[in-house]
C-alpha cells in the first residue's frame, strides 16, 4: 500500500503534467496552426479507420 504522502505526490504530479501538456498543446496550436490542423485531421482519420475496423467484425 502507498502511504498518504506518496498518493498526494502522485496526484500533484498528474495535475502538473496535465497543465504542462495543455500549455504545450496551446503553444503548438498558436504557433503552428496549419501543421496542428493537419496532425489532428490525420489522428481523426486514423481513429475512424480503427473504429470502422472494430465494428466491421
N, C-alpha and C. Protein backbone atom coordinates (compact mmCIF):
# COMPACT_ATOMS: atom_id res chain seq x y z
N UNK A 1 0.84 -1.19 0.00
CA UNK A 1 0.00 0.00 0.00
C UNK A 1 0.88 1.25 0.00
N UNK A 2 0.39 2.25 -0.70
CA UNK A 2 1.11 3.52 -0.73
C UNK A 2 0.72 4.35 0.48
N UNK A 3 1.68 5.11 0.96
CA UNK A 3 1.40 6.00 2.08
C UNK A 3 0.67 7.24 1.57
N UNK A 4 0.10 7.96 2.48
CA UNK A 4 -0.66 9.17 2.14
C UNK A 4 0.19 10.20 1.40
N UNK A 5 1.43 10.48 1.84
CA UNK A 5 2.25 11.45 1.09
C UNK A 5 2.56 11.00 -0.33
N UNK A 6 2.74 9.69 -0.55
CA UNK A 6 3.01 9.20 -1.90
C UNK A 6 1.80 9.40 -2.81
N UNK A 7 0.62 9.14 -2.29
CA UNK A 7 -0.60 9.34 -3.07
C UNK A 7 -0.76 10.82 -3.40
N UNK A 8 -0.54 11.68 -2.42
CA UNK A 8 -0.65 13.12 -2.62
C UNK A 8 0.35 13.58 -3.68
N UNK A 9 1.60 13.08 -3.61
CA UNK A 9 2.63 13.47 -4.58
C UNK A 9 2.25 13.01 -5.98
N UNK A 10 1.73 11.79 -6.11
CA UNK A 10 1.34 11.28 -7.42
C UNK A 10 0.22 12.13 -8.03
N UNK A 11 -0.76 12.51 -7.21
CA UNK A 11 -1.85 13.36 -7.70
C UNK A 11 -1.32 14.71 -8.17
N UNK A 12 -0.39 15.29 -7.40
CA UNK A 12 0.18 16.57 -7.80
C UNK A 12 0.98 16.44 -9.08
N UNK A 13 1.73 15.34 -9.23
CA UNK A 13 2.49 15.13 -10.46
C UNK A 13 1.57 15.01 -11.66
N UNK A 14 0.44 14.32 -11.50
CA UNK A 14 -0.51 14.17 -12.60
C UNK A 14 -1.12 15.53 -12.97
N UNK A 15 -1.46 16.32 -11.98
CA UNK A 15 -2.01 17.66 -12.24
C UNK A 15 -0.99 18.53 -12.96
N UNK A 16 0.24 18.50 -12.49
CA UNK A 16 1.30 19.30 -13.11
C UNK A 16 1.54 18.85 -14.55
N UNK A 17 1.57 17.54 -14.78
CA UNK A 17 1.76 17.02 -16.13
C UNK A 17 0.63 17.43 -17.06
N UNK A 18 -0.60 17.41 -16.55
CA UNK A 18 -1.73 17.82 -17.36
C UNK A 18 -1.62 19.30 -17.74
N UNK A 19 -1.27 20.13 -16.79
CA UNK A 19 -1.15 21.57 -17.05
C UNK A 19 -0.04 21.85 -18.05
N UNK A 20 1.11 21.19 -17.88
CA UNK A 20 2.22 21.38 -18.82
C UNK A 20 1.82 20.92 -20.22
N UNK A 21 1.14 19.78 -20.31
CA UNK A 21 0.69 19.28 -21.61
C UNK A 21 -0.30 20.23 -22.27
N UNK A 22 -1.22 20.77 -21.48
CA UNK A 22 -2.20 21.71 -22.03
C UNK A 22 -1.52 22.98 -22.53
N UNK A 23 -0.57 23.49 -21.76
CA UNK A 23 0.16 24.68 -22.19
C UNK A 23 0.97 24.42 -23.46
N UNK A 24 1.60 23.26 -23.54
CA UNK A 24 2.39 22.91 -24.72
C UNK A 24 1.49 22.77 -25.94
N UNK A 25 0.33 22.12 -25.77
CA UNK A 25 -0.60 21.98 -26.90
C UNK A 25 -1.11 23.34 -27.35
N UNK A 26 -1.38 24.23 -26.41
CA UNK A 26 -1.84 25.57 -26.75
C UNK A 26 -0.75 26.32 -27.51
N UNK A 27 0.49 26.24 -27.03
CA UNK A 27 1.60 26.91 -27.70
C UNK A 27 1.78 26.39 -29.12
N UNK A 28 1.73 25.06 -29.28
CA UNK A 28 1.86 24.49 -30.63
C UNK A 28 0.75 24.97 -31.55
N UNK A 29 -0.47 24.98 -31.04
CA UNK A 29 -1.62 25.39 -31.85
C UNK A 29 -1.52 26.85 -32.27
N UNK A 30 -1.07 27.71 -31.36
CA UNK A 30 -0.95 29.13 -31.68
C UNK A 30 0.20 29.42 -32.63
N UNK A 31 1.29 28.67 -32.51
CA UNK A 31 2.47 28.94 -33.32
C UNK A 31 2.51 28.17 -34.64
N UNK A 32 1.86 27.04 -34.69
CA UNK A 32 1.87 26.20 -35.89
C UNK A 32 0.45 25.72 -36.22
N UNK A 33 -0.48 26.63 -36.51
CA UNK A 33 -1.88 26.21 -36.67
C UNK A 33 -2.11 25.26 -37.84
N UNK A 34 -1.45 25.49 -38.97
CA UNK A 34 -1.68 24.62 -40.13
C UNK A 34 -1.18 23.20 -39.89
N UNK A 35 0.01 23.09 -39.30
CA UNK A 35 0.55 21.78 -39.02
C UNK A 35 -0.30 21.03 -37.99
N UNK A 36 -0.75 21.74 -36.97
CA UNK A 36 -1.56 21.09 -35.93
C UNK A 36 -2.90 20.65 -36.50
N UNK A 37 -3.48 21.46 -37.37
CA UNK A 37 -4.74 21.07 -38.02
C UNK A 37 -4.53 19.80 -38.85
N UNK A 38 -3.40 19.74 -39.54
CA UNK A 38 -3.08 18.57 -40.36
C UNK A 38 -2.92 17.32 -39.48
N UNK A 39 -2.17 17.45 -38.38
CA UNK A 39 -1.98 16.30 -37.48
C UNK A 39 -3.29 15.87 -36.85
N UNK A 40 -4.12 16.83 -36.48
CA UNK A 40 -5.41 16.50 -35.88
C UNK A 40 -6.29 15.75 -36.88
N UNK A 41 -6.30 16.20 -38.13
CA UNK A 41 -7.08 15.53 -39.17
C UNK A 41 -6.57 14.11 -39.37
N UNK A 42 -5.25 13.92 -39.39
CA UNK A 42 -4.69 12.58 -39.53
C UNK A 42 -5.08 11.69 -38.36
N UNK A 43 -5.05 12.24 -37.15
CA UNK A 43 -5.42 11.47 -35.97
C UNK A 43 -6.89 11.06 -36.02
N UNK A 44 -7.76 11.98 -36.42
CA UNK A 44 -9.19 11.67 -36.52
C UNK A 44 -9.42 10.60 -37.58
N UNK A 45 -8.76 10.72 -38.73
CA UNK A 45 -8.91 9.71 -39.78
C UNK A 45 -8.45 8.34 -39.29
N UNK A 46 -7.34 8.30 -38.57
CA UNK A 46 -6.84 7.02 -38.05
C UNK A 46 -7.82 6.41 -37.05
N UNK A 47 -8.33 7.23 -36.15
CA UNK A 47 -9.28 6.73 -35.15
C UNK A 47 -10.54 6.22 -35.82
N UNK A 48 -11.01 6.94 -36.83
CA UNK A 48 -12.20 6.48 -37.56
C UNK A 48 -11.93 5.16 -38.27
N UNK A 49 -10.74 4.98 -38.84
CA UNK A 49 -10.44 3.73 -39.53
C UNK A 49 -10.36 2.57 -38.53
N UNK A 50 -9.81 2.82 -37.36
CA UNK A 50 -9.75 1.78 -36.33
C UNK A 50 -11.15 1.43 -35.86
N UNK A 51 -11.98 2.44 -35.64
CA UNK A 51 -13.36 2.19 -35.20
C UNK A 51 -14.13 1.42 -36.26
N UNK A 52 -13.93 1.76 -37.52
CA UNK A 52 -14.60 1.04 -38.61
C UNK A 52 -14.13 -0.40 -38.65
N UNK A 53 -12.83 -0.63 -38.47
CA UNK A 53 -12.28 -1.98 -38.47
C UNK A 53 -12.87 -2.80 -37.32
N UNK A 54 -12.98 -2.20 -36.15
CA UNK A 54 -13.50 -2.91 -34.98
C UNK A 54 -14.98 -3.24 -35.16
N UNK A 55 -15.75 -2.29 -35.66
CA UNK A 55 -17.19 -2.52 -35.80
C UNK A 55 -17.53 -3.41 -36.99
N UNK A 56 -16.59 -3.60 -37.92
CA UNK A 56 -16.90 -4.43 -39.09
C UNK A 56 -16.79 -5.91 -38.77
N UNK A 57 -16.25 -6.27 -37.64
CA UNK A 57 -16.10 -7.69 -37.28
C UNK A 57 -17.35 -8.23 -36.67
